[in-house]
């Protein structure tokens, strides 16, 4: 048993030494023709809402990373461009300037899982009602430094419908 243990240790040390034997370190990697520029960092940090589903953030990130200057329709003489992004249950209409910055956007996501505190406020204020439909709307205006985040919800109870607007803090609008 003692011999087996010593042999296992010896094999382990040899294997470890062999794996460390290649001392060539990777050199610096240069990427030619690649430019990284966070033109829309203000947009993504302003519109991102951690309490919303991941696919909302994914589409917002897609809009933030989009570079209009890489588009085949790009013309330096055109001042603004409108670009529509859509996937799953959401869409974003973003207006870009000729430098690739998002000037404003309108986002609409339907049938999202509303944040816990929003659902609780709804159920407290409207006991017995059920959420039938919902939409998460975001409007962003870079020049004014304004972002509006609103949930539009349709409630149903006993054959009746009620439409409400609520912010992410659970306040009715």
N, C-alpha and C. Protein backbone atom coordinates (compact mmCIF):
# COMPACT_ATOMS: atom_id res chain seq x y z
N UNK A 1 0.83 -1.18 0.00
CA UNK A 1 0.00 0.00 0.00
C UNK A 1 0.87 1.25 0.00
N UNK A 2 1.96 1.19 0.81
CA UNK A 2 2.86 2.32 0.90
C UNK A 2 3.55 2.56 -0.45
N UNK A 3 3.92 1.46 -1.12
CA UNK A 3 4.58 1.53 -2.42
C UNK A 3 3.63 2.16 -3.45
N UNK A 4 2.39 1.76 -3.42
CA UNK A 4 1.38 2.29 -4.35
C UNK A 4 1.23 3.80 -4.15
N UNK A 5 1.18 4.21 -2.91
CA UNK A 5 1.04 5.64 -2.59
C UNK A 5 2.24 6.44 -3.10
N UNK A 6 3.45 5.92 -2.91
CA UNK A 6 4.67 6.60 -3.36
C UNK A 6 4.69 6.67 -4.88
N UNK A 7 4.29 5.59 -5.55
CA UNK A 7 4.25 5.58 -7.02
C UNK A 7 3.24 6.60 -7.55
N UNK A 8 2.08 6.73 -6.90
CA UNK A 8 1.08 7.71 -7.33
C UNK A 8 1.61 9.14 -7.19
N UNK A 9 2.32 9.41 -6.11
CA UNK A 9 2.91 10.72 -5.91
C UNK A 9 3.96 11.00 -6.98
N UNK A 10 4.80 10.00 -7.26
CA UNK A 10 5.86 10.16 -8.27
C UNK A 10 5.24 10.43 -9.65
N UNK A 11 4.21 9.70 -10.01
CA UNK A 11 3.54 9.90 -11.31
C UNK A 11 2.92 11.28 -11.37
N UNK A 12 2.31 11.70 -10.27
CA UNK A 12 1.71 13.04 -10.22
C UNK A 12 2.75 14.12 -10.43
N UNK A 13 3.90 14.01 -9.77
CA UNK A 13 4.96 15.01 -9.90
C UNK A 13 5.53 15.04 -11.31
N UNK A 14 5.72 13.88 -11.91
CA UNK A 14 6.24 13.82 -13.28
C UNK A 14 5.24 14.46 -14.24
N UNK A 15 3.97 14.15 -14.08
CA UNK A 15 2.93 14.71 -14.94
C UNK A 15 2.86 16.22 -14.77
N UNK A 16 2.92 16.70 -13.54
CA UNK A 16 2.89 18.13 -13.27
C UNK A 16 4.11 18.82 -13.88
N UNK A 17 5.28 18.20 -13.73
CA UNK A 17 6.50 18.77 -14.30
C UNK A 17 6.44 18.82 -15.81
N UNK A 18 5.91 17.80 -16.43
CA UNK A 18 5.80 17.75 -17.89
C UNK A 18 4.86 18.83 -18.40
N UNK A 19 3.75 19.03 -17.70
CA UNK A 19 2.78 20.03 -18.15
C UNK A 19 3.32 21.44 -18.01
N UNK A 20 4.27 21.65 -17.09
CA UNK A 20 4.86 22.97 -16.89
C UNK A 20 6.12 23.17 -17.73
N UNK A 21 6.49 22.15 -18.47
CA UNK A 21 7.74 22.18 -19.21
C UNK A 21 7.76 23.18 -20.36
N UNK A 22 6.64 23.51 -20.95
CA UNK A 22 6.59 24.43 -22.06
C UNK A 22 6.53 25.85 -21.51
N UNK A 23 7.64 26.54 -21.50
CA UNK A 23 7.71 27.87 -20.90
C UNK A 23 7.46 28.99 -21.88
N UNK A 24 7.11 28.67 -23.10
CA UNK A 24 6.87 29.75 -24.07
C UNK A 24 5.55 30.42 -23.75
N UNK A 25 5.60 31.69 -23.45
CA UNK A 25 4.43 32.47 -23.09
C UNK A 25 3.86 33.08 -24.36
N UNK A 26 2.55 33.21 -24.44
CA UNK A 26 1.98 33.85 -25.63
C UNK A 26 2.38 35.31 -25.66
N UNK A 27 2.69 35.79 -26.83
CA UNK A 27 3.07 37.19 -26.98
C UNK A 27 1.84 38.07 -27.07
N UNK A 28 2.07 39.34 -27.20
CA UNK A 28 0.99 40.30 -27.33
C UNK A 28 0.30 40.10 -28.66
N UNK A 29 -1.01 40.15 -28.66
CA UNK A 29 -1.79 39.96 -29.87
C UNK A 29 -2.26 41.32 -30.36
N UNK A 30 -1.96 41.63 -31.59
CA UNK A 30 -2.42 42.88 -32.17
C UNK A 30 -3.49 42.58 -33.20
N UNK A 31 -4.57 43.31 -33.13
CA UNK A 31 -5.65 43.14 -34.08
C UNK A 31 -5.66 44.33 -35.02
N UNK A 32 -5.37 44.06 -36.26
CA UNK A 32 -5.34 45.14 -37.24
C UNK A 32 -6.75 45.45 -37.72
N UNK A 33 -7.04 46.71 -37.87
CA UNK A 33 -8.34 47.12 -38.40
C UNK A 33 -9.49 47.02 -37.41
N UNK A 34 -9.19 46.83 -36.13
CA UNK A 34 -10.25 46.74 -35.13
C UNK A 34 -10.24 48.00 -34.29
N UNK A 35 -11.39 48.62 -34.20
CA UNK A 35 -11.54 49.80 -33.36
C UNK A 35 -12.61 49.53 -32.33
N UNK A 36 -12.30 49.73 -31.08
CA UNK A 36 -13.27 49.54 -30.02
C UNK A 36 -13.61 50.92 -29.48
N UNK A 37 -14.88 51.28 -29.58
CA UNK A 37 -15.28 52.60 -29.09
C UNK A 37 -16.67 52.51 -28.48
N UNK A 38 -16.80 52.90 -27.21
CA UNK A 38 -18.09 52.80 -26.51
C UNK A 38 -18.99 54.00 -26.78
N UNK A 39 -19.39 54.20 -28.06
CA UNK A 39 -20.22 55.35 -28.39
C UNK A 39 -21.53 55.35 -27.62
N UNK A 40 -22.08 54.20 -27.38
CA UNK A 40 -23.41 54.13 -26.80
C UNK A 40 -23.41 53.60 -25.38
N UNK A 41 -22.33 53.86 -24.66
CA UNK A 41 -22.24 53.46 -23.27
C UNK A 41 -23.29 54.18 -22.43
N UNK A 42 -23.53 55.45 -22.72
CA UNK A 42 -24.55 56.21 -22.00
C UNK A 42 -25.91 55.57 -22.19
N UNK A 43 -26.20 55.17 -23.41
CA UNK A 43 -27.50 54.54 -23.71
C UNK A 43 -27.67 53.26 -22.88
N UNK A 44 -26.73 52.35 -22.98
CA UNK A 44 -26.91 51.04 -22.36
C UNK A 44 -26.95 51.14 -20.84
N UNK A 45 -26.16 52.03 -20.26
CA UNK A 45 -26.19 52.16 -18.80
C UNK A 45 -27.47 52.85 -18.33
N UNK A 46 -28.07 53.65 -19.19
CA UNK A 46 -29.29 54.36 -18.82
C UNK A 46 -30.53 53.49 -18.96
N UNK A 47 -30.61 52.71 -20.04
CA UNK A 47 -31.83 51.94 -20.28
C UNK A 47 -31.83 50.57 -19.61
N UNK A 48 -30.66 50.05 -19.27
CA UNK A 48 -30.59 48.70 -18.68
C UNK A 48 -31.34 48.66 -17.35
N UNK A 49 -32.16 47.65 -17.22
CA UNK A 49 -32.92 47.43 -15.98
C UNK A 49 -32.67 46.00 -15.53
N UNK A 50 -31.96 45.85 -14.41
CA UNK A 50 -31.56 44.52 -13.94
C UNK A 50 -32.74 43.62 -13.61
N UNK A 51 -33.89 44.18 -13.30
CA UNK A 51 -35.03 43.35 -12.90
C UNK A 51 -35.82 42.82 -14.10
N UNK A 52 -35.41 43.18 -15.30
CA UNK A 52 -36.10 42.69 -16.50
C UNK A 52 -35.41 41.42 -17.02
N UNK A 53 -36.13 40.63 -17.83
CA UNK A 53 -35.54 39.40 -18.36
C UNK A 53 -34.28 39.66 -19.20
N UNK A 54 -33.44 38.65 -19.32
CA UNK A 54 -32.17 38.76 -20.03
C UNK A 54 -32.35 39.14 -21.50
N UNK A 55 -33.40 38.66 -22.15
CA UNK A 55 -33.56 38.96 -23.57
C UNK A 55 -33.80 40.45 -23.82
N UNK A 56 -34.31 41.17 -22.83
CA UNK A 56 -34.46 42.63 -22.96
C UNK A 56 -33.08 43.26 -23.05
N UNK A 57 -32.20 42.89 -22.14
CA UNK A 57 -30.84 43.43 -22.13
C UNK A 57 -30.09 43.03 -23.39
N UNK A 58 -30.29 41.81 -23.88
CA UNK A 58 -29.60 41.35 -25.08
C UNK A 58 -29.95 42.22 -26.29
N UNK A 59 -31.22 42.57 -26.45
CA UNK A 59 -31.60 43.40 -27.58
C UNK A 59 -31.09 44.83 -27.39
N UNK A 60 -31.13 45.34 -26.17
CA UNK A 60 -30.57 46.67 -25.90
C UNK A 60 -29.07 46.69 -26.20
N UNK A 61 -28.37 45.63 -25.85
CA UNK A 61 -26.93 45.54 -26.14
C UNK A 61 -26.67 45.49 -27.63
N UNK A 62 -27.52 44.79 -28.34
CA UNK A 62 -27.39 44.73 -29.81
C UNK A 62 -27.51 46.13 -30.42
N UNK A 63 -28.47 46.90 -29.95
CA UNK A 63 -28.63 48.27 -30.43
C UNK A 63 -27.44 49.14 -30.04
N UNK A 64 -26.92 48.95 -28.84
CA UNK A 64 -25.79 49.75 -28.36
C UNK A 64 -24.51 49.44 -29.14
N UNK A 65 -24.32 48.19 -29.52
CA UNK A 65 -23.11 47.78 -30.23
C UNK A 65 -23.18 48.04 -31.74
N UNK A 66 -24.37 48.30 -32.25
CA UNK A 66 -24.52 48.47 -33.69
C UNK A 66 -23.76 49.72 -34.16
N UNK A 67 -23.03 49.56 -35.24
CA UNK A 67 -22.26 50.68 -35.80
C UNK A 67 -22.81 51.00 -37.18
N UNK A 68 -23.55 52.09 -37.26
CA UNK A 68 -24.18 52.49 -38.52
C UNK A 68 -23.14 52.74 -39.60
N UNK A 69 -21.93 53.10 -39.20
CA UNK A 69 -20.87 53.39 -40.17
C UNK A 69 -20.42 52.15 -40.92
N UNK A 70 -20.77 50.97 -40.41
CA UNK A 70 -20.45 49.72 -41.08
C UNK A 70 -21.56 49.27 -42.03
N UNK A 71 -22.67 49.97 -42.03
CA UNK A 71 -23.81 49.60 -42.86
C UNK A 71 -23.57 50.00 -44.31
N UNK A 72 -24.14 49.24 -45.23
CA UNK A 72 -23.99 49.55 -46.66
C UNK A 72 -24.78 50.79 -47.06
N UNK A 73 -25.72 51.22 -46.24
CA UNK A 73 -26.49 52.43 -46.56
C UNK A 73 -25.86 53.69 -45.97
N UNK A 74 -24.76 53.54 -45.26
CA UNK A 74 -24.13 54.68 -44.60
C UNK A 74 -23.61 55.68 -45.63
N UNK A 75 -23.89 56.94 -45.38
CA UNK A 75 -23.41 58.05 -46.20
C UNK A 75 -23.06 59.18 -45.24
N UNK A 76 -21.84 59.66 -45.28
CA UNK A 76 -21.37 60.67 -44.35
C UNK A 76 -22.21 61.95 -44.42
N UNK A 77 -22.90 62.19 -45.53
CA UNK A 77 -23.72 63.39 -45.69
C UNK A 77 -25.09 63.28 -45.04
N UNK A 78 -25.48 62.08 -44.68
CA UNK A 78 -26.78 61.89 -44.02
C UNK A 78 -26.57 62.07 -42.51
N UNK A 79 -27.39 62.91 -41.90
CA UNK A 79 -27.21 63.27 -40.50
C UNK A 79 -27.71 62.21 -39.51
N UNK A 80 -28.88 61.59 -39.78
CA UNK A 80 -29.46 60.62 -38.85
C UNK A 80 -29.98 59.39 -39.59
N UNK A 81 -30.01 58.30 -38.86
CA UNK A 81 -30.50 57.03 -39.38
C UNK A 81 -31.43 56.42 -38.36
N UNK A 82 -32.51 55.80 -38.82
CA UNK A 82 -33.39 55.04 -37.94
C UNK A 82 -33.19 53.56 -38.24
N UNK A 83 -32.96 52.79 -37.19
CA UNK A 83 -32.71 51.36 -37.33
C UNK A 83 -33.66 50.61 -36.40
N UNK A 84 -34.29 49.57 -36.93
CA UNK A 84 -35.22 48.75 -36.16
C UNK A 84 -34.55 47.43 -35.81
N UNK A 85 -34.59 47.08 -34.52
CA UNK A 85 -34.08 45.81 -34.02
C UNK A 85 -35.27 45.05 -33.45
N UNK A 86 -35.33 43.75 -33.72
CA UNK A 86 -36.41 42.97 -33.11
C UNK A 86 -35.96 41.53 -32.92
N UNK A 87 -36.47 40.93 -31.87
CA UNK A 87 -36.27 39.51 -31.57
C UNK A 87 -37.20 39.15 -30.43
N UNK A 88 -37.50 37.88 -30.31
CA UNK A 88 -38.42 37.39 -29.29
C UNK A 88 -39.69 38.24 -29.27
N UNK A 89 -40.03 38.77 -28.14
CA UNK A 89 -41.23 39.59 -27.99
C UNK A 89 -40.90 41.07 -27.88
N UNK A 90 -39.79 41.49 -28.49
CA UNK A 90 -39.40 42.88 -28.33
C UNK A 90 -38.89 43.53 -29.59
N UNK A 91 -38.92 44.85 -29.57
CA UNK A 91 -38.37 45.63 -30.67
C UNK A 91 -37.83 46.95 -30.14
N UNK A 92 -36.84 47.46 -30.84
CA UNK A 92 -36.24 48.75 -30.52
C UNK A 92 -36.12 49.54 -31.82
N UNK A 93 -36.65 50.75 -31.81
CA UNK A 93 -36.45 51.68 -32.91
C UNK A 93 -35.46 52.72 -32.41
N UNK A 94 -34.24 52.71 -32.97
CA UNK A 94 -33.18 53.60 -32.50
C UNK A 94 -32.81 54.58 -33.60
N UNK A 95 -32.57 55.83 -33.21
CA UNK A 95 -32.11 56.86 -34.13
C UNK A 95 -30.64 57.12 -33.83
N UNK A 96 -29.79 56.95 -34.85
CA UNK A 96 -28.35 57.14 -34.72
C UNK A 96 -27.93 58.41 -35.46
N UNK A 97 -26.93 59.09 -34.93
CA UNK A 97 -26.35 60.19 -35.70
C UNK A 97 -25.29 59.61 -36.65
N UNK A 98 -24.69 60.45 -37.48
CA UNK A 98 -23.74 59.95 -38.48
C UNK A 98 -22.45 59.41 -37.86
N UNK A 99 -22.22 59.68 -36.57
CA UNK A 99 -21.06 59.15 -35.87
C UNK A 99 -21.34 57.85 -35.15
N UNK A 100 -22.59 57.37 -35.20
CA UNK A 100 -22.94 56.09 -34.59
C UNK A 100 -23.51 56.18 -33.19
N UNK A 101 -23.75 57.38 -32.68
CA UNK A 101 -24.32 57.53 -31.34
C UNK A 101 -25.84 57.45 -31.41
N UNK A 102 -26.43 56.79 -30.42
CA UNK A 102 -27.89 56.72 -30.35
C UNK A 102 -28.40 58.05 -29.80
N UNK A 103 -29.26 58.71 -30.58
CA UNK A 103 -29.84 59.98 -30.16
C UNK A 103 -31.10 59.76 -29.35
N UNK A 104 -31.93 58.82 -29.81
CA UNK A 104 -33.12 58.47 -29.06
C UNK A 104 -33.55 57.06 -29.47
N UNK A 105 -34.39 56.48 -28.66
CA UNK A 105 -34.88 55.14 -28.97
C UNK A 105 -36.25 54.94 -28.33
N UNK A 106 -37.00 54.03 -28.91
CA UNK A 106 -38.26 53.59 -28.34
C UNK A 106 -38.22 52.07 -28.31
N UNK A 107 -38.46 51.50 -27.14
CA UNK A 107 -38.40 50.05 -26.96
C UNK A 107 -39.77 49.53 -26.51
N UNK A 108 -40.13 48.38 -27.04
CA UNK A 108 -41.38 47.74 -26.62
C UNK A 108 -41.14 46.24 -26.51
N UNK A 109 -41.42 45.72 -25.32
CA UNK A 109 -41.30 44.29 -25.07
C UNK A 109 -42.64 43.81 -24.52
N UNK A 110 -43.21 42.78 -25.12
CA UNK A 110 -44.51 42.28 -24.68
C UNK A 110 -44.36 40.95 -23.95
N UNK A 111 -45.32 40.68 -23.09
CA UNK A 111 -45.37 39.43 -22.33
C UNK A 111 -44.06 39.17 -21.58
N UNK A 112 -43.55 40.20 -20.91
CA UNK A 112 -42.35 40.04 -20.09
C UNK A 112 -42.76 39.61 -18.69
N UNK A 113 -41.82 39.04 -17.98
CA UNK A 113 -42.06 38.77 -16.57
C UNK A 113 -41.78 40.06 -15.83
N UNK A 114 -42.83 40.66 -15.32
CA UNK A 114 -42.68 41.94 -14.63
C UNK A 114 -41.87 41.75 -13.35
N UNK A 115 -41.13 42.78 -12.95
CA UNK A 115 -40.37 42.68 -11.70
C UNK A 115 -41.28 42.36 -10.51
N UNK A 116 -40.72 41.67 -9.56
CA UNK A 116 -41.46 41.20 -8.39
C UNK A 116 -42.20 42.33 -7.68
N UNK A 117 -41.52 43.47 -7.46
CA UNK A 117 -42.16 44.56 -6.73
C UNK A 117 -43.32 45.18 -7.52
N UNK A 118 -43.22 45.18 -8.85
CA UNK A 118 -44.31 45.71 -9.68
C UNK A 118 -45.52 44.79 -9.58
N UNK A 119 -45.29 43.48 -9.69
CA UNK A 119 -46.40 42.52 -9.57
C UNK A 119 -47.06 42.62 -8.20
N UNK A 120 -46.26 42.73 -7.15
CA UNK A 120 -46.82 42.84 -5.80
C UNK A 120 -47.69 44.08 -5.65
N UNK A 121 -47.21 45.21 -6.16
CA UNK A 121 -48.00 46.46 -6.08
C UNK A 121 -49.32 46.31 -6.83
N UNK A 122 -49.28 45.66 -7.99
CA UNK A 122 -50.50 45.45 -8.76
C UNK A 122 -51.48 44.59 -7.97
N UNK A 123 -50.99 43.48 -7.43
CA UNK A 123 -51.88 42.57 -6.70
C UNK A 123 -52.38 43.18 -5.39
N UNK A 124 -51.60 44.07 -4.77
CA UNK A 124 -52.07 44.77 -3.57
C UNK A 124 -53.18 45.75 -3.92
N UNK A 125 -52.98 46.48 -4.98
CA UNK A 125 -53.94 47.52 -5.37
C UNK A 125 -55.18 46.94 -6.05
N UNK A 126 -55.02 45.82 -6.73
CA UNK A 126 -56.14 45.20 -7.46
C UNK A 126 -56.29 43.74 -7.04
N UNK A 127 -56.73 43.48 -5.81
CA UNK A 127 -56.84 42.10 -5.34
C UNK A 127 -57.86 41.31 -6.16
N UNK A 128 -57.49 40.09 -6.48
CA UNK A 128 -58.37 39.21 -7.24
C UNK A 128 -58.24 39.37 -8.75
N UNK A 129 -57.58 40.42 -9.21
CA UNK A 129 -57.38 40.63 -10.63
C UNK A 129 -56.17 39.80 -11.10
N UNK A 130 -56.19 39.41 -12.37
CA UNK A 130 -55.13 38.60 -12.95
C UNK A 130 -54.49 39.38 -14.10
N UNK A 131 -53.16 39.33 -14.19
CA UNK A 131 -52.46 39.97 -15.30
C UNK A 131 -52.70 39.14 -16.55
N UNK A 132 -53.33 39.75 -17.55
CA UNK A 132 -53.62 39.06 -18.80
C UNK A 132 -52.56 39.37 -19.87
N UNK A 133 -52.23 40.64 -20.02
CA UNK A 133 -51.21 41.07 -20.99
C UNK A 133 -50.36 42.12 -20.33
N UNK A 134 -49.13 42.23 -20.80
CA UNK A 134 -48.29 43.32 -20.32
C UNK A 134 -47.30 43.73 -21.40
N UNK A 135 -46.81 44.94 -21.27
CA UNK A 135 -45.78 45.47 -22.16
C UNK A 135 -44.85 46.35 -21.34
N UNK A 136 -43.58 46.25 -21.65
CA UNK A 136 -42.56 47.08 -21.01
C UNK A 136 -42.09 48.07 -22.07
N UNK A 137 -42.24 49.36 -21.80
CA UNK A 137 -41.92 50.41 -22.76
C UNK A 137 -40.79 51.28 -22.21
N UNK A 138 -39.82 51.56 -23.05
CA UNK A 138 -38.71 52.42 -22.68
C UNK A 138 -38.53 53.46 -23.77
N UNK A 139 -38.48 54.72 -23.37
CA UNK A 139 -38.15 55.78 -24.32
C UNK A 139 -36.92 56.51 -23.79
N UNK A 140 -35.96 56.71 -24.69
CA UNK A 140 -34.67 57.28 -24.33
C UNK A 140 -34.40 58.49 -25.20
N UNK A 141 -33.98 59.59 -24.58
CA UNK A 141 -33.65 60.82 -25.30
C UNK A 141 -32.29 61.32 -24.81
N UNK A 142 -31.28 61.12 -25.62
CA UNK A 142 -29.90 61.45 -25.23
C UNK A 142 -29.74 62.93 -24.90
N UNK A 143 -30.20 63.81 -25.77
CA UNK A 143 -29.96 65.25 -25.58
C UNK A 143 -30.62 65.79 -24.33
N UNK A 144 -31.78 65.26 -23.97
CA UNK A 144 -32.46 65.72 -22.76
C UNK A 144 -32.00 64.95 -21.52
N UNK A 145 -31.26 63.87 -21.74
CA UNK A 145 -30.82 63.05 -20.60
C UNK A 145 -31.99 62.37 -19.91
N UNK A 146 -33.01 62.01 -20.68
CA UNK A 146 -34.25 61.46 -20.12
C UNK A 146 -34.45 60.02 -20.59
N UNK A 147 -34.87 59.19 -19.66
CA UNK A 147 -35.32 57.84 -20.00
C UNK A 147 -36.60 57.58 -19.22
N UNK A 148 -37.60 57.07 -19.90
CA UNK A 148 -38.87 56.71 -19.26
C UNK A 148 -39.06 55.21 -19.39
N UNK A 149 -39.36 54.57 -18.27
CA UNK A 149 -39.60 53.12 -18.24
C UNK A 149 -40.98 52.90 -17.64
N UNK A 150 -41.86 52.30 -18.43
CA UNK A 150 -43.25 52.14 -18.02
C UNK A 150 -43.72 50.72 -18.36
N UNK A 151 -44.56 50.18 -17.50
CA UNK A 151 -45.22 48.90 -17.78
C UNK A 151 -46.69 49.18 -18.03
N UNK A 152 -47.18 48.71 -19.17
CA UNK A 152 -48.61 48.78 -19.46
C UNK A 152 -49.17 47.38 -19.22
N UNK A 153 -50.20 47.31 -18.40
CA UNK A 153 -50.72 46.01 -17.99
C UNK A 153 -52.23 45.96 -18.19
N UNK A 154 -52.70 44.83 -18.73
CA UNK A 154 -54.13 44.61 -18.82
C UNK A 154 -54.49 43.56 -17.77
N UNK A 155 -55.43 43.94 -16.89
CA UNK A 155 -55.90 43.05 -15.84
C UNK A 155 -57.29 42.54 -16.19
N UNK A 156 -57.59 41.35 -15.71
CA UNK A 156 -58.93 40.78 -15.92
C UNK A 156 -59.45 40.18 -14.62
N UNK A 157 -60.80 40.36 -14.46
CA UNK A 157 -61.46 39.77 -13.29
C UNK A 157 -62.96 39.71 -13.61
N UNK A 158 -63.53 38.53 -13.47
CA UNK A 158 -64.97 38.33 -13.66
C UNK A 158 -65.47 38.91 -14.99
N UNK A 159 -64.73 38.67 -16.06
CA UNK A 159 -65.15 39.15 -17.37
C UNK A 159 -64.89 40.63 -17.61
N UNK A 160 -64.32 41.31 -16.65
CA UNK A 160 -64.01 42.73 -16.80
C UNK A 160 -62.53 42.89 -17.13
N UNK A 161 -62.22 44.00 -17.82
CA UNK A 161 -60.84 44.33 -18.16
C UNK A 161 -60.49 45.69 -17.60
N UNK A 162 -59.24 45.82 -17.21
CA UNK A 162 -58.76 47.11 -16.71
C UNK A 162 -57.33 47.28 -17.24
N UNK A 163 -57.07 48.43 -17.86
CA UNK A 163 -55.74 48.74 -18.37
C UNK A 163 -55.09 49.76 -17.44
N UNK A 164 -53.86 49.47 -17.03
CA UNK A 164 -53.14 50.39 -16.14
C UNK A 164 -51.73 50.62 -16.67
N UNK A 165 -51.16 51.74 -16.25
CA UNK A 165 -49.75 52.04 -16.50
C UNK A 165 -49.10 52.17 -15.13
N UNK A 166 -47.91 51.58 -15.03
CA UNK A 166 -47.21 51.57 -13.74
C UNK A 166 -45.72 51.72 -13.99
N UNK A 167 -45.04 52.49 -13.15
CA UNK A 167 -43.59 52.61 -13.31
C UNK A 167 -42.90 51.45 -12.59
N UNK A 168 -41.58 51.38 -12.67
CA UNK A 168 -40.85 50.25 -12.09
C UNK A 168 -40.76 50.29 -10.58
N UNK A 169 -41.22 51.39 -9.98
CA UNK A 169 -41.30 51.46 -8.52
C UNK A 169 -42.68 51.01 -8.03
N UNK A 170 -43.56 50.70 -8.98
CA UNK A 170 -44.90 50.25 -8.61
C UNK A 170 -45.92 51.36 -8.48
N UNK A 171 -45.56 52.56 -8.92
CA UNK A 171 -46.50 53.70 -8.84
C UNK A 171 -47.34 53.79 -10.10
N UNK A 172 -48.64 54.00 -9.91
CA UNK A 172 -49.53 54.16 -11.06
C UNK A 172 -49.22 55.47 -11.76
N UNK A 173 -49.38 55.44 -13.06
CA UNK A 173 -49.11 56.63 -13.87
C UNK A 173 -50.42 57.10 -14.50
